[in-house]
Structure formats: structure tokens, C-alpha cells
Amino acid sequence: MLGDLIGEEQGQVTGQRVVRGEHGLPPTVESSFLGTGTLLGVPVKDIGSYTARLRADGTLEGNGQGVLMSPTGAHATWQGGGVGTFTENGGTNFRGAIVYESDSPEFAGLRGVAGAFEWDVDENGKASGRLWAWK
């Protein structure tokens, strides 16, 4: 069951490249981004990247990782994965799960928690996301 909304973020894709597929899989698109928002009520800057691979059914398989920093130096790392779809205007919508790791007291509430996320990117690379605690 989804729990409380614990994070929101806005950002921008800052770069993309195509990476050769391995083991007979199609190529993936790797995207880097920079975002700002809040996590557990703490203001954060999020630097991350994710890959998206087109699947035979027309959906996308995505995997990403990143680093969060607060203005006071609190930090966390994250890894996530999910399934995406293309939008009519050339953007993408991803839904999936994310886990965090941190020893910062500000992010103690992330320990032992899986998050469920929604992440939307428009045709110009403008991104927004929301995160719920998955209980």
C-alpha cells in the first residue's frame, strides 16, 4: 500500500547519449538530469542519470541512480527502476520503485523504506516527480 507523499522534485535533462546494447538487447538511451525539490521536508538538489531501453511491446525499461544533497550537507544516494511509456508530445512517463541509502540524520526516515515514484519528462526535457513511502 502506498503511504505518505514524502518527496517532490522538478528538474531538467542536461544531456543524453545512446549506449550500445549488450547480449543481443537493443541500445539504451542514457539521460543525465539535475533537479531540486524536497525529501522528507528537507530541500534537496538531485544529480542523477538513468537509462531507458525500448521493449518489444513499445514500453520502456528504466534504471537510474543519483546523489541528493541538502543545503546543510545532508546527503543520500538512490537507485531505482521502473516502466515507462511515451507521451503523445514526445515525452516520457515512468513509474517504479526507488531505494535510498544515507547516514545523515535528516534522511533517517528513508532507512528501510522503499519508495514508489512517478516521474514525467516533457518533450523539452523538463521533468517532475513525486515519491511516496511504500509500506
Protein backbone atom coordinates (compact mmCIF):
# COMPACT_ATOMS: atom_id res chain seq x y z
CA MET A 1 0.00 0.00 0.00
CA LEU A 2 1.27 3.47 -0.81
CA GLY A 3 1.90 5.64 2.20
CA ASP A 4 2.51 9.34 2.60
CA LEU A 5 3.89 11.62 -0.08
CA ILE A 6 7.50 12.12 1.08
CA GLY A 7 9.11 13.93 -1.83
CA GLU A 8 8.56 16.15 -4.85
CA GLU A 9 11.04 17.37 -7.42
CA GLN A 10 11.37 19.46 -10.57
CA GLY A 11 14.33 19.31 -12.90
CA GLN A 12 15.82 19.33 -16.35
CA VAL A 13 17.53 16.71 -18.50
CA THR A 14 21.07 18.03 -19.03
CA GLY A 15 22.41 15.50 -21.53
CA GLN A 16 21.68 12.30 -23.42
CA ARG A 17 23.63 9.66 -25.28
CA VAL A 18 22.90 6.31 -26.89
CA VAL A 19 24.70 3.33 -25.35
CA ARG A 20 25.25 0.10 -27.28
CA GLY A 21 23.04 -2.77 -26.19
CA GLU A 22 24.63 -5.88 -24.76
CA HIS A 23 23.79 -9.58 -25.07
CA GLY A 24 21.56 -9.00 -28.09
CA LEU A 25 19.46 -6.28 -26.42
CA PRO A 26 18.68 -3.04 -28.27
CA PRO A 27 20.61 0.15 -27.45
CA THR A 28 19.66 2.22 -24.43
CA VAL A 29 19.37 5.96 -24.05
CA GLU A 30 21.24 7.34 -21.05
CA SER A 31 19.93 10.65 -19.69
CA SER A 32 21.53 12.86 -17.05
CA PHE A 33 19.49 15.37 -15.05
CA LEU A 34 19.66 17.99 -12.35
CA GLY A 35 16.69 18.59 -10.07
CA THR A 36 15.61 20.43 -6.94
CA GLY A 37 12.81 19.70 -4.52
CA THR A 38 12.10 18.35 -1.07
CA LEU A 39 12.52 14.93 0.50
CA LEU A 40 11.08 14.33 3.97
CA GLY A 41 10.61 18.11 4.14
CA VAL A 42 14.33 18.75 3.52
CA PRO A 43 15.29 20.91 0.50
CA VAL A 44 17.48 18.88 -1.87
CA LYS A 45 19.50 19.10 -5.06
CA ASP A 46 19.39 15.82 -7.02
CA ILE A 47 22.05 14.85 -9.57
CA GLY A 48 21.34 11.63 -11.40
CA SER A 49 21.24 9.58 -14.54
CA TYR A 50 19.02 6.83 -15.89
CA THR A 51 18.91 4.51 -18.84
CA ALA A 52 15.83 3.62 -20.86
CA ARG A 53 15.58 0.63 -23.17
CA LEU A 54 12.73 0.19 -25.63
CA ARG A 55 10.99 -3.14 -25.08
CA ALA A 56 9.27 -5.21 -27.76
CA ASP A 57 5.82 -4.13 -26.53
CA GLY A 58 6.64 -0.42 -27.02
CA THR A 59 7.16 0.36 -23.32
CA LEU A 60 10.44 1.41 -21.74
CA GLU A 61 12.51 -0.32 -19.09
CA GLY A 62 14.32 2.25 -16.96
CA ASN A 63 17.04 2.11 -14.31
CA GLY A 64 18.73 5.01 -12.56
CA GLN A 65 20.92 6.23 -9.75
CA GLY A 66 21.85 9.51 -8.18
CA VAL A 67 23.05 11.62 -5.28
CA LEU A 68 21.00 14.06 -3.17
CA MET A 69 22.46 16.96 -1.18
CA SER A 70 20.76 19.40 1.16
CA PRO A 71 21.98 22.98 1.73
CA THR A 72 23.33 21.85 5.13
CA GLY A 73 25.37 18.98 3.66
CA ALA A 74 22.97 16.12 4.41
CA HIS A 75 23.26 13.55 1.64
CA ALA A 76 21.74 10.36 0.31
CA THR A 77 22.22 8.10 -2.68
CA TRP A 78 19.43 6.38 -4.57
CA GLN A 79 18.82 3.59 -7.05
CA GLY A 80 15.57 2.86 -8.81
CA GLY A 81 13.88 1.12 -11.66
CA GLY A 82 10.57 1.15 -13.43
CA VAL A 83 8.49 1.00 -16.56
CA GLY A 84 7.87 3.94 -18.85
CA THR A 85 5.68 4.95 -21.74
CA PHE A 86 5.97 7.62 -24.41
CA THR A 87 3.57 10.56 -24.35
CA GLU A 88 1.84 11.89 -27.48
CA ASN A 89 4.03 15.02 -27.47
CA GLY A 90 7.36 13.15 -27.31
CA GLY A 91 7.94 12.99 -23.56
CA THR A 92 8.00 10.01 -21.22
CA ASN A 93 6.18 8.88 -18.08
CA PHE A 94 7.91 6.46 -15.69
CA ARG A 95 6.50 4.64 -12.66
CA GLY A 96 8.57 2.44 -10.40
CA ALA A 97 10.36 1.81 -7.13
CA ILE A 98 13.34 3.52 -5.54
CA VAL A 99 15.55 2.86 -2.51
CA TYR A 100 17.83 5.27 -0.66
CA GLU A 101 20.96 4.97 1.45
CA SER A 102 22.06 7.65 3.89
CA ASP A 103 23.72 8.11 7.25
CA SER A 104 22.53 11.73 7.53
CA PRO A 105 20.08 12.30 10.41
CA GLU A 106 17.85 14.42 8.14
CA PHE A 107 17.19 11.33 6.00
CA ALA A 108 16.87 8.74 8.76
CA GLY A 109 13.22 8.30 7.72
CA LEU A 110 14.39 6.68 4.47
CA ARG A 111 16.05 3.73 6.19
CA GLY A 112 14.21 0.51 5.48
CA VAL A 113 11.75 2.26 3.15
CA ALA A 114 11.06 1.51 -0.49
CA GLY A 115 9.57 4.40 -2.39
CA ALA A 116 7.07 4.34 -5.23
CA PHE A 117 7.65 7.12 -7.76
CA GLU A 118 6.07 8.89 -10.71
CA TRP A 119 8.49 10.73 -12.99
CA ASP A 120 7.39 12.70 -16.04
CA VAL A 121 9.63 14.31 -18.64
CA ASP A 122 8.21 16.54 -21.37
CA GLU A 123 9.47 16.85 -24.95
CA ASN A 124 11.89 19.63 -23.90
CA GLY A 125 13.47 17.66 -21.05
CA LYS A 126 11.60 19.44 -18.25
CA ALA A 127 10.98 16.87 -15.52
CA SER A 128 8.84 16.50 -12.41
CA GLY A 129 8.45 13.69 -9.95
CA ARG A 130 6.70 12.60 -6.79
CA LEU A 131 7.63 9.93 -4.24
CA TRP A 132 5.51 8.01 -1.76
CA ALA A 133 6.64 5.76 1.08
CA TRP A 134 5.74 2.19 0.17
CA LYS A 135 4.53 0.47 3.30
